PDB file of N, CA and C in Angstrom:
ATOM      1  N   MET A   1       0.839  -1.165   0.000  1.00  0.00           N
ATOM      2  CA  MET A   1       0.000   0.000   0.000  1.00  0.00           C
ATOM      3  C   MET A   1       0.893   1.239   0.000  1.00  0.00           C
ATOM      4  N   ARG A   2       0.582   2.199  -0.796  1.00  0.00           N
ATOM      5  CA  ARG A   2       1.371   3.417  -0.902  1.00  0.00           C
ATOM      6  C   ARG A   2       0.974   4.409   0.179  1.00  0.00           C
ATOM      7  N   SER A   3       1.977   5.050   0.768  1.00  0.00           N
ATOM      8  CA  SER A   3       1.696   6.060   1.781  1.00  0.00           C
ATOM      9  C   SER A   3       1.808   7.445   1.162  1.00  0.00           C
ATOM     10  N   LYS A   4       1.351   8.459   1.894  1.00  0.00           N
ATOM     11  CA  LYS A   4       1.435   9.828   1.395  1.00  0.00           C
ATOM     12  C   LYS A   4       2.881  10.248   1.175  1.00  0.00           C
ATOM     13  N   SER A   5       3.801   9.762   2.030  1.00  0.00           N
ATOM     14  CA  SER A   5       5.205  10.145   1.875  1.00  0.00           C
ATOM     15  C   SER A   5       5.805   9.613   0.576  1.00  0.00           C
ATOM     16  N   ASP A   6       5.288   8.478   0.065  1.00  0.00           N
ATOM     17  CA  ASP A   6       5.762   7.935  -1.215  1.00  0.00           C
ATOM     18  C   ASP A   6       5.498   8.911  -2.349  1.00  0.00           C
ATOM     19  N   LYS A   7       4.400   9.639  -2.279  1.00  0.00           N
ATOM     20  CA  LYS A   7       4.015  10.553  -3.350  1.00  0.00           C
ATOM     21  C   LYS A   7       4.782  11.873  -3.288  1.00  0.00           C
ATOM     22  N   LYS A   8       5.222  12.277  -2.112  1.00  0.00           N
ATOM     23  CA  LYS A   8       5.888  13.564  -1.944  1.00  0.00           C
ATOM     24  C   LYS A   8       7.345  13.536  -2.384  1.00  0.00           C
ATOM     25  N   LYS A   9       8.075  12.498  -2.032  1.00  0.00           N
ATOM     26  CA  LYS A   9       9.509  12.455  -2.280  1.00  0.00           C
ATOM     27  C   LYS A   9       9.836  11.346  -3.281  1.00  0.00           C
ATOM     28  N   PRO A  10      10.353  11.701  -4.463  1.00  0.00           N
ATOM     29  CA  PRO A  10      10.690  10.658  -5.439  1.00  0.00           C
ATOM     30  C   PRO A  10      11.863   9.807  -4.937  1.00  0.00           C
ATOM     31  N   LEU A  11      11.840   8.532  -5.279  1.00  0.00           N
ATOM     32  CA  LEU A  11      12.897   7.615  -4.869  1.00  0.00           C
ATOM     33  C   LEU A  11      14.010   7.604  -5.913  1.00  0.00           C
ATOM     34  N   VAL A  12      15.102   8.257  -5.588  1.00  0.00           N
ATOM     35  CA  VAL A  12      16.254   8.285  -6.482  1.00  0.00           C
ATOM     36  C   VAL A  12      17.482   7.889  -5.669  1.00  0.00           C
ATOM     37  N   PRO A  13      18.080   6.751  -5.971  1.00  0.00           N
ATOM     38  CA  PRO A  13      19.268   6.331  -5.217  1.00  0.00           C
ATOM     39  C   PRO A  13      20.458   7.238  -5.490  1.00  0.00           C
ATOM     40  N   ARG A  14      21.300   7.425  -4.470  1.00  0.00           N
ATOM     41  CA  ARG A  14      22.504   8.259  -4.632  1.00  0.00           C
ATOM     42  C   ARG A  14      23.517   7.590  -5.556  1.00  0.00           C
ATOM     43  N   LEU A  15      23.661   6.273  -5.448  1.00  0.00           N
ATOM     44  CA  LEU A  15      24.595   5.534  -6.296  1.00  0.00           C
ATOM     45  C   LEU A  15      23.816   4.717  -7.306  1.00  0.00           C
ATOM     46  N   ARG A  16      24.247   4.785  -8.557  1.00  0.00           N
ATOM     47  CA  ARG A  16      23.595   4.024  -9.625  1.00  0.00           C
ATOM     48  C   ARG A  16      24.642   3.503 -10.588  1.00  0.00           C
ATOM     49  N   PHE A  17      24.300   2.405 -11.252  1.00  0.00           N
ATOM     50  CA  PHE A  17      25.138   1.937 -12.342  1.00  0.00           C
ATOM     51  C   PHE A  17      25.087   2.987 -13.445  1.00  0.00           C
ATOM     52  N   PRO A  18      26.175   3.145 -14.202  1.00  0.00           N
ATOM     53  CA  PRO A  18      26.236   4.200 -15.223  1.00  0.00           C
ATOM     54  C   PRO A  18      25.030   4.243 -16.165  1.00  0.00           C
ATOM     55  N   GLU A  19      24.551   3.079 -16.599  1.00  0.00           N
ATOM     56  CA  GLU A  19      23.449   3.069 -17.563  1.00  0.00           C
ATOM     57  C   GLU A  19      22.121   3.531 -16.960  1.00  0.00           C
ATOM     58  N   PHE A  20      22.056   3.703 -15.641  1.00  0.00           N
ATOM     59  CA  PHE A  20      20.815   4.142 -14.998  1.00  0.00           C
ATOM     60  C   PHE A  20      20.905   5.543 -14.390  1.00  0.00           C
ATOM     61  N   ARG A  21      22.013   6.228 -14.545  1.00  0.00           N
ATOM     62  CA  ARG A  21      22.212   7.528 -13.886  1.00  0.00           C
ATOM     63  C   ARG A  21      21.227   8.594 -14.328  1.00  0.00           C
ATOM     64  N   GLU A  22      20.756   8.535 -15.548  1.00  0.00           N
ATOM     65  CA  GLU A  22      19.799   9.525 -16.055  1.00  0.00           C
ATOM     66  C   GLU A  22      18.378   8.973 -16.134  1.00  0.00           C
ATOM     67  N   ALA A  23      18.130   7.890 -15.457  1.00  0.00           N
ATOM     68  CA  ALA A  23      16.841   7.204 -15.578  1.00  0.00           C
ATOM     69  C   ALA A  23      15.722   7.851 -14.774  1.00  0.00           C
ATOM     70  N   GLY A  24      16.035   8.790 -13.904  1.00  0.00           N
ATOM     71  CA  GLY A  24      14.992   9.435 -13.125  1.00  0.00           C
ATOM     72  C   GLY A  24      14.608   8.649 -11.885  1.00  0.00           C
ATOM     73  N   ALA A  25      13.484   9.020 -11.293  1.00  0.00           N
ATOM     74  CA  ALA A  25      13.039   8.412 -10.041  1.00  0.00           C
ATOM     75  C   ALA A  25      12.484   7.007 -10.262  1.00  0.00           C
ATOM     76  N   TRP A  26      12.563   6.210  -9.225  1.00  0.00           N
ATOM     77  CA  TRP A  26      11.963   4.887  -9.257  1.00  0.00           C
ATOM     78  C   TRP A  26      10.453   5.026  -9.218  1.00  0.00           C
ATOM     79  N   GLU A  27       9.793   4.106  -9.885  1.00  0.00           N
ATOM     80  CA  GLU A  27       8.335   4.054  -9.814  1.00  0.00           C
ATOM     81  C   GLU A  27       7.943   3.065  -8.719  1.00  0.00           C
ATOM     82  N   VAL A  28       6.982   3.436  -7.900  1.00  0.00           N
ATOM     83  CA  VAL A  28       6.467   2.540  -6.878  1.00  0.00           C
ATOM     84  C   VAL A  28       5.305   1.769  -7.489  1.00  0.00           C
ATOM     85  N   LYS A  29       5.398   0.445  -7.445  1.00  0.00           N
ATOM     86  CA  LYS A  29       4.352  -0.401  -8.004  1.00  0.00           C
ATOM     87  C   LYS A  29       4.026  -1.522  -7.026  1.00  0.00           C
ATOM     88  N   GLU A  30       2.811  -1.995  -7.105  1.00  0.00           N
ATOM     89  CA  GLU A  30       2.420  -3.172  -6.353  1.00  0.00           C
ATOM     90  C   GLU A  30       3.051  -4.388  -7.018  1.00  0.00           C
ATOM     91  N   LEU A  31       3.404  -5.396  -6.234  1.00  0.00           N
ATOM     92  CA  LEU A  31       4.033  -6.593  -6.782  1.00  0.00           C
ATOM     93  C   LEU A  31       3.178  -7.229  -7.867  1.00  0.00           C
ATOM     94  N   GLY A  32       1.871  -7.250  -7.677  1.00  0.00           N
ATOM     95  CA  GLY A  32       0.967  -7.842  -8.656  1.00  0.00           C
ATOM     96  C   GLY A  32       0.941  -7.124  -9.991  1.00  0.00           C
ATOM     97  N   GLU A  33       1.469  -5.889 -10.045  1.00  0.00           N
ATOM     98  CA  GLU A  33       1.538  -5.146 -11.307  1.00  0.00           C
ATOM     99  C   GLU A  33       2.684  -5.618 -12.191  1.00  0.00           C
ATOM    100  N   ILE A  34       3.703  -6.211 -11.593  1.00  0.00           N
ATOM    101  CA  ILE A  34       4.891  -6.606 -12.362  1.00  0.00           C
ATOM    102  C   ILE A  34       5.154  -8.105 -12.344  1.00  0.00           C
ATOM    103  N   ALA A  35       4.348  -8.847 -11.586  1.00  0.00           N
ATOM    104  CA  ALA A  35       4.547 -10.294 -11.490  1.00  0.00           C
ATOM    105  C   ALA A  35       3.201 -10.992 -11.379  1.00  0.00           C
ATOM    106  N   SER A  36       3.188 -12.230 -11.761  1.00  0.00           N
ATOM    107  CA  SER A  36       1.998 -13.061 -11.602  1.00  0.00           C
ATOM    108  C   SER A  36       2.124 -13.792 -10.270  1.00  0.00           C
ATOM    109  N   ILE A  37       1.129 -13.655  -9.421  1.00  0.00           N
ATOM    110  CA  ILE A  37       1.154 -14.278  -8.101  1.00  0.00           C
ATOM    111  C   ILE A  37       0.029 -15.305  -8.036  1.00  0.00           C
ATOM    112  N   SER A  38       0.361 -16.506  -7.601  1.00  0.00           N
ATOM    113  CA  SER A  38      -0.675 -17.523  -7.483  1.00  0.00           C
ATOM    114  C   SER A  38      -0.364 -18.460  -6.326  1.00  0.00           C
ATOM    115  N   ASN A  39      -1.396 -19.070  -5.811  1.00  0.00           N
ATOM    116  CA  ASN A  39      -1.240 -20.087  -4.777  1.00  0.00           C
ATOM    117  C   ASN A  39      -0.939 -21.415  -5.434  1.00  0.00           C
ATOM    118  N   GLY A  40      -0.400 -22.303  -4.657  1.00  0.00           N
ATOM    119  CA  GLY A  40      -0.150 -23.647  -5.145  1.00  0.00           C
ATOM    120  C   GLY A  40      -1.429 -24.460  -5.132  1.00  0.00           C
ATOM    121  N   LEU A  41      -1.280 -25.740  -5.253  1.00  0.00           N
ATOM    122  CA  LEU A  41      -2.459 -26.600  -5.264  1.00  0.00           C
ATOM    123  C   LEU A  41      -2.564 -27.357  -3.949  1.00  0.00           C
ATOM    124  N   THR A  42      -3.730 -27.872  -3.697  1.00  0.00           N
ATOM    125  CA  THR A  42      -3.958 -28.721  -2.539  1.00  0.00           C
ATOM    126  C   THR A  42      -4.229 -30.123  -3.053  1.00  0.00           C
ATOM    127  N   ALA A  43      -3.401 -31.060  -2.634  1.00  0.00           N
ATOM    128  CA  ALA A  43      -3.557 -32.451  -3.078  1.00  0.00           C
ATOM    129  C   ALA A  43      -3.045 -33.367  -1.985  1.00  0.00           C
ATOM    130  N   ASP A  44      -3.641 -34.526  -1.884  1.00  0.00           N
ATOM    131  CA  ASP A  44      -3.176 -35.519  -0.910  1.00  0.00           C
ATOM    132  C   ASP A  44      -1.805 -36.019  -1.331  1.00  0.00           C
ATOM    133  N   GLN A  45      -0.891 -36.029  -0.371  1.00  0.00           N
ATOM    134  CA  GLN A  45       0.457 -36.503  -0.655  1.00  0.00           C
ATOM    135  C   GLN A  45       0.570 -37.975  -0.285  1.00  0.00           C
ATOM    136  N   SER A  46       1.463 -38.640  -1.001  1.00  0.00           N
ATOM    137  CA  SER A  46       1.707 -40.050  -0.716  1.00  0.00           C
ATOM    138  C   SER A  46       3.186 -40.239  -0.433  1.00  0.00           C
ATOM    139  N   GLY A  47       3.527 -41.361   0.110  1.00  0.00           N
ATOM    140  CA  GLY A  47       4.929 -41.675   0.351  1.00  0.00           C
ATOM    141  C   GLY A  47       5.589 -42.304  -0.854  1.00  0.00           C
ATOM    142  N   ASP A  48       4.868 -42.397  -1.944  1.00  0.00           N
ATOM    143  CA  ASP A  48       5.364 -43.051  -3.151  1.00  0.00           C
ATOM    144  C   ASP A  48       6.267 -42.100  -3.931  1.00  0.00           C
ATOM    145  N   SER A  49       7.545 -42.358  -3.922  1.00  0.00           N
ATOM    146  CA  SER A  49       8.490 -41.475  -4.608  1.00  0.00           C
ATOM    147  C   SER A  49       8.410 -41.583  -6.126  1.00  0.00           C
ATOM    148  N   ASN A  50       7.495 -42.382  -6.651  1.00  0.00           N
ATOM    149  CA  ASN A  50       7.274 -42.460  -8.091  1.00  0.00           C
ATOM    150  C   ASN A  50       6.292 -41.395  -8.558  1.00  0.00           C
ATOM    151  N   GLY A  51       5.678 -40.691  -7.629  1.00  0.00           N
ATOM    152  CA  GLY A  51       4.723 -39.653  -7.992  1.00  0.00           C
ATOM    153  C   GLY A  51       5.427 -38.376  -8.420  1.00  0.00           C
ATOM    154  N   LEU A  52       4.660 -37.310  -8.546  1.00  0.00           N
ATOM    155  CA  LEU A  52       5.213 -35.997  -8.893  1.00  0.00           C
ATOM    156  C   LEU A  52       5.732 -35.306  -7.642  1.00  0.00           C
ATOM    157  N   LYS A  53       6.910 -34.717  -7.723  1.00  0.00           N
ATOM    158  CA  LYS A  53       7.455 -33.987  -6.581  1.00  0.00           C
ATOM    159  C   LYS A  53       6.685 -32.692  -6.381  1.00  0.00           C
ATOM    160  N   VAL A  54       6.425 -32.350  -5.127  1.00  0.00           N
ATOM    161  CA  VAL A  54       5.774 -31.083  -4.793  1.00  0.00           C
ATOM    162  C   VAL A  54       6.544 -30.415  -3.663  1.00  0.00           C
ATOM    163  N   THR A  55       6.640 -29.106  -3.760  1.00  0.00           N
ATOM    164  CA  THR A  55       7.262 -28.368  -2.668  1.00  0.00           C
ATOM    165  C   THR A  55       6.237 -28.157  -1.572  1.00  0.00           C
ATOM    166  N   ARG A  56       6.734 -28.020  -0.369  1.00  0.00           N
ATOM    167  CA  ARG A  56       5.903 -27.751   0.795  1.00  0.00           C
ATOM    168  C   ARG A  56       6.585 -26.634   1.583  1.00  0.00           C
ATOM    169  N   ILE A  57       5.932 -26.166   2.601  1.00  0.00           N
ATOM    170  CA  ILE A  57       6.537 -25.128   3.434  1.00  0.00           C
ATOM    171  C   ILE A  57       7.905 -25.591   3.933  1.00  0.00           C
ATOM    172  N   GLU A  58       8.003 -26.818   4.370  1.00  0.00           N
ATOM    173  CA  GLU A  58       9.265 -27.349   4.876  1.00  0.00           C
ATOM    174  C   GLU A  58      10.344 -27.385   3.800  1.00  0.00           C
ATOM    175  N   THR A  59       9.933 -27.509   2.553  1.00  0.00           N
ATOM    176  CA  THR A  59      10.884 -27.608   1.446  1.00  0.00           C
ATOM    177  C   THR A  59      11.677 -26.318   1.280  1.00  0.00           C
ATOM    178  N   ILE A  60      11.059 -25.165   1.576  1.00  0.00           N
ATOM    179  CA  ILE A  60      11.739 -23.874   1.368  1.00  0.00           C
ATOM    180  C   ILE A  60      12.028 -23.140   2.671  1.00  0.00           C
ATOM    181  N   SER A  61      11.852 -23.792   3.809  1.00  0.00           N
ATOM    182  CA  SER A  61      11.945 -23.101   5.100  1.00  0.00           C
ATOM    183  C   SER A  61      13.339 -22.601   5.455  1.00  0.00           C
ATOM    184  N   GLU A  62      14.366 -23.082   4.801  1.00  0.00           N
ATOM    185  CA  GLU A  62      15.731 -22.651   5.121  1.00  0.00           C
ATOM    186  C   GLU A  62      16.340 -21.752   4.043  1.00  0.00           C
ATOM    187  N   GLY A  63      15.521 -21.210   3.143  1.00  0.00           N
ATOM    188  CA  GLY A  63      16.019 -20.283   2.141  1.00  0.00           C
ATOM    189  C   GLY A  63      16.495 -20.915   0.847  1.00  0.00           C
ATOM    190  N   CYS A  64      16.362 -22.210   0.723  1.00  0.00           N
ATOM    191  CA  CYS A  64      16.684 -22.902  -0.526  1.00  0.00           C
ATOM    192  C   CYS A  64      15.757 -24.105  -0.616  1.00  0.00           C
ATOM    193  N   ILE A  65      15.717 -24.743  -1.762  1.00  0.00           N
ATOM    194  CA  ILE A  65      14.862 -25.921  -1.907  1.00  0.00           C
ATOM    195  C   ILE A  65      15.605 -27.132  -1.369  1.00  0.00           C
ATOM    196  N   ASP A  66      15.052 -27.729  -0.327  1.00  0.00           N
ATOM    197  CA  ASP A  66      15.629 -28.932   0.277  1.00  0.00           C
ATOM    198  C   ASP A  66      14.900 -30.137  -0.322  1.00  0.00           C
ATOM    199  N   ILE A  67      15.531 -30.785  -1.286  1.00  0.00           N
ATOM    200  CA  ILE A  67      14.919 -31.905  -2.012  1.00  0.00           C
ATOM    201  C   ILE A  67      14.518 -33.033  -1.066  1.00  0.00           C
ATOM    202  N   SER A  68      15.210 -33.189   0.050  1.00  0.00           N
ATOM    203  CA  SER A  68      14.868 -34.272   0.978  1.00  0.00           C
ATOM    204  C   SER A  68      13.524 -34.033   1.668  1.00  0.00           C
ATOM    205  N   LYS A  69      12.980 -32.822   1.558  1.00  0.00           N
ATOM    206  CA  LYS A  69      11.716 -32.501   2.215  1.00  0.00           C
ATOM    207  C   LYS A  69      10.541 -32.330   1.242  1.00  0.00           C
ATOM    208  N   VAL A  70      10.744 -32.689  -0.024  1.00  0.00           N
ATOM    209  CA  VAL A  70       9.628 -32.590  -0.964  1.00  0.00           C
ATOM    210  C   VAL A  70       8.613 -33.681  -0.669  1.00  0.00           C
ATOM    211  N   GLY A  71       7.390 -33.449  -1.085  1.00  0.00           N
ATOM    212  CA  GLY A  71       6.349 -34.463  -0.993  1.00  0.00           C
ATOM    213  C   GLY A  71       6.099 -35.049  -2.369  1.00  0.00           C
ATOM    214  N   TYR A  72       5.218 -35.997  -2.452  1.00  0.00           N
ATOM    215  CA  TYR A  72       4.873 -36.636  -3.718  1.00  0.00           C
ATOM    216  C   TYR A  72       3.358 -36.737  -3.830  1.00  0.00           C
ATOM    217  N   ILE A  73       2.860 -36.500  -5.025  1.00  0.00           N
ATOM    218  CA  ILE A  73       1.433 -36.647  -5.284  1.00  0.00           C
ATOM    219  C   ILE A  73       1.245 -37.483  -6.545  1.00  0.00           C
ATOM    220  N   ASP A  74       0.058 -38.048  -6.667  1.00  0.00           N
ATOM    221  CA  ASP A  74      -0.300 -38.721  -7.908  1.00  0.00           C
ATOM    222  C   ASP A  74      -0.639 -37.653  -8.934  1.00  0.00           C
ATOM    223  N   ARG A  75      -0.452 -37.961 -10.200  1.00  0.00           N
ATOM    224  CA  ARG A  75      -0.794 -37.006 -11.269  1.00  0.00           C
ATOM    225  C   ARG A  75      -2.293 -36.744 -11.217  1.00  0.00           C
ATOM    226  N   ILE A  76      -2.657 -35.459 -11.200  1.00  0.00           N
ATOM    227  CA  ILE A  76      -4.063 -35.076 -11.199  1.00  0.00           C
ATOM    228  C   ILE A  76      -4.312 -34.106 -12.348  1.00  0.00           C
ATOM    229  N   GLU A  77      -5.550 -33.979 -12.738  1.00  0.00           N
ATOM    230  CA  GLU A  77      -5.901 -33.099 -13.853  1.00  0.00           C
ATOM    231  C   GLU A  77      -5.500 -31.654 -13.543  1.00  0.00           C
ATOM    232  N   GLY A  78      -4.846 -31.007 -14.494  1.00  0.00           N
ATOM    233  CA  GLY A  78      -4.473 -29.598 -14.363  1.00  0.00           C
ATOM    234  C   GLY A  78      -3.194 -29.328 -13.594  1.00  0.00           C
ATOM    235  N   VAL A  79      -2.502 -30.354 -13.144  1.00  0.00           N
ATOM    236  CA  VAL A  79      -1.303 -30.165 -12.326  1.00  0.00           C
ATOM    237  C   VAL A  79      -0.174 -29.477 -13.098  1.00  0.00           C
ATOM    238  N   GLU A  80      -0.188 -29.581 -14.417  1.00  0.00           N
ATOM    239  CA  GLU A  80       0.889 -29.010 -15.227  1.00  0.00           C
ATOM    240  C   GLU A  80       1.046 -27.509 -15.028  1.00  0.00           C
ATOM    241  N   ARG A  81      -0.039 -26.817 -14.767  1.00  0.00           N
ATOM    242  CA  ARG A  81       0.044 -25.357 -14.618  1.00  0.00           C
ATOM    243  C   ARG A  81       0.791 -24.929 -13.358  1.00  0.00           C
ATOM    244  N   PHE A  82       1.064 -25.876 -12.454  1.00  0.00           N
ATOM    245  CA  PHE A  82       1.772 -25.555 -11.222  1.00  0.00           C
ATOM    246  C   PHE A  82       3.255 -25.893 -11.288  1.00  0.00           C
ATOM    247  N   GLY A  83       3.733 -26.320 -12.434  1.00  0.00           N
ATOM    248  CA  GLY A  83       5.144 -26.659 -12.567  1.00  0.00           C
ATOM    249  C   GLY A  83       6.034 -25.445 -12.386  1.00  0.00           C
ATOM    250  N   LEU A  84       7.160 -25.627 -11.725  1.00  0.00           N
ATOM    251  CA  LEU A  84       8.104 -24.528 -11.520  1.00  0.00           C
ATOM    252  C   LEU A  84       8.926 -24.294 -12.778  1.00  0.00           C
ATOM    253  N   ARG A  85       9.253 -23.035 -13.009  1.00  0.00           N
ATOM    254  CA  ARG A  85      10.085 -22.651 -14.149  1.00  0.00           C
ATOM    255  C   ARG A  85      11.256 -21.809 -13.643  1.00  0.00           C
ATOM    256  N   ILE A  86      12.307 -21.752 -14.406  1.00  0.00           N
ATOM    257  CA  ILE A  86      13.444 -20.906 -14.047  1.00  0.00           C
ATOM    258  C   ILE A  86      12.941 -19.477 -13.875  1.00  0.00           C
ATOM    259  N   GLY A  87      13.326 -18.852 -12.803  1.00  0.00           N
ATOM    260  CA  GLY A  87      12.912 -17.478 -12.513  1.00  0.00           C
ATOM    261  C   GLY A  87      11.751 -17.396 -11.539  1.00  0.00           C
ATOM    262  N   ASP A  88      11.068 -18.516 -11.273  1.00  0.00           N
ATOM    263  CA  ASP A  88       9.982 -18.513 -10.299  1.00  0.00           C
ATOM    264  C   ASP A  88      10.534 -18.267  -8.906  1.00  0.00           C
ATOM    265  N   ILE A  89       9.750 -17.619  -8.082  1.00  0.00           N
ATOM    266  CA  ILE A  89      10.103 -17.381  -6.687  1.00  0.00           C
ATOM    267  C   ILE A  89       9.026 -18.022  -5.825  1.00  0.00           C
ATOM    268  N   LEU A  90       9.438 -18.877  -4.918  1.00  0.00           N
ATOM    269  CA  LEU A  90       8.506 -19.510  -3.989  1.00  0.00           C
ATOM    270  C   LEU A  90       8.568 -18.758  -2.672  1.00  0.00           C
ATOM    271  N   PHE A  91       7.417 -18.455  -2.104  1.00  0.00           N
ATOM    272  CA  PHE A  91       7.427 -17.853  -0.774  1.00  0.00           C
ATOM    273  C   PHE A  91       6.229 -18.335   0.023  1.00  0.00           C
ATOM    274  N   SER A  92       6.406 -18.325   1.331  1.00  0.00           N
ATOM    275  CA  SER A  92       5.355 -18.775   2.227  1.00  0.00           C
ATOM    276  C   SER A  92       4.557 -17.583   2.721  1.00  0.00           C
ATOM    277  N   HIS A  93       3.249 -17.656   2.579  1.00  0.00           N
ATOM    278  CA  HIS A  93       2.389 -16.611   3.130  1.00  0.00           C
ATOM    279  C   HIS A  93       1.380 -17.205   4.110  1.00  0.00           C
ATOM    280  N   ILE A  94       1.533 -18.478   4.400  1.00  0.00           N
ATOM    281  CA  ILE A  94       0.678 -19.149   5.372  1.00  0.00           C
ATOM    282  C   ILE A  94       1.543 -20.038   6.256  1.00  0.00           C
ATOM    283  N   ASN A  95       0.938 -20.734   7.166  1.00  0.00           N
ATOM    284  CA  ASN A  95       1.591 -21.683   8.049  1.00  0.00           C
ATOM    285  C   ASN A  95       1.991 -20.987   9.347  1.00  0.00           C
ATOM    286  N   SER A  96       2.956 -21.522  10.034  1.00  0.00           N
ATOM    287  CA  SER A  96       3.348 -20.990  11.330  1.00  0.00           C
ATOM    288  C   SER A  96       4.098 -19.673  11.177  1.00  0.00           C
ATOM    289  N   GLN A  97       4.084 -18.878  12.225  1.00  0.00           N
ATOM    290  CA  GLN A  97       4.737 -17.559  12.238  1.00  0.00           C
ATOM    291  C   GLN A  97       6.194 -17.643  11.778  1.00  0.00           C
ATOM    292  N   SER A  98       6.902 -18.684  12.178  1.00  0.00           N
ATOM    293  CA  SER A  98       8.318 -18.794  11.825  1.00  0.00           C
ATOM    294  C   SER A  98       8.571 -19.059  10.350  1.00  0.00           C
ATOM    295  N   HIS A  99       7.555 -19.516   9.603  1.00  0.00           N
ATOM    296  CA  HIS A  99       7.718 -19.801   8.174  1.00  0.00           C
ATOM    297  C   HIS A  99       7.211 -18.692   7.253  1.00  0.00           C
ATOM    298  N   ILE A 100       6.474 -17.738   7.772  1.00  0.00           N
ATOM    299  CA  ILE A 100       5.914 -16.688   6.920  1.00  0.00           C
ATOM    300  C   ILE A 100       7.033 -15.875   6.287  1.00  0.00           C
ATOM    301  N   ALA A 101       6.905 -15.633   4.988  1.00  0.00           N
ATOM    302  CA  ALA A 101       7.839 -14.837   4.183  1.00  0.00           C
ATOM    303  C   ALA A 101       9.141 -15.552   3.861  1.00  0.00           C
ATOM    304  N   ARG A 102       9.245 -16.823   4.140  1.00  0.00           N
ATOM    305  CA  ARG A 102      10.438 -17.563   3.734  1.00  0.00           C
ATOM    306  C   ARG A 102      10.397 -17.718   2.221  1.00  0.00           C
ATOM    307  N   VAL A 103      11.531 -17.565   1.559  1.00  0.00           N
ATOM    308  CA  VAL A 103      11.592 -17.693   0.098  1.00  0.00           C
ATOM    309  C   VAL A 103      12.634 -18.715  -0.302  1.00  0.00           C
TER     310      VAL A 103
END
């Protein structure tokens, strides 16, 4: 959410890379304006390591993907749209207080 102070004072860093020195003030935008944000899926997990790997809160709780903590699910309709791609960012916005905002 933008505050009144955001509108009064433009955000211009003192130090910039040469190619950005004449670029002017930073624009303040909501994350949803520049990125696609979506929740994951809810599916029953199995202990069968032949299924599809799924990340869980525990999988990203230490700041990287811990493969030993992934879960497995059976293939379900529409699961392809939840596949991770290079450049995706995973973050926790639910679960226990200690896991919120972990990426």
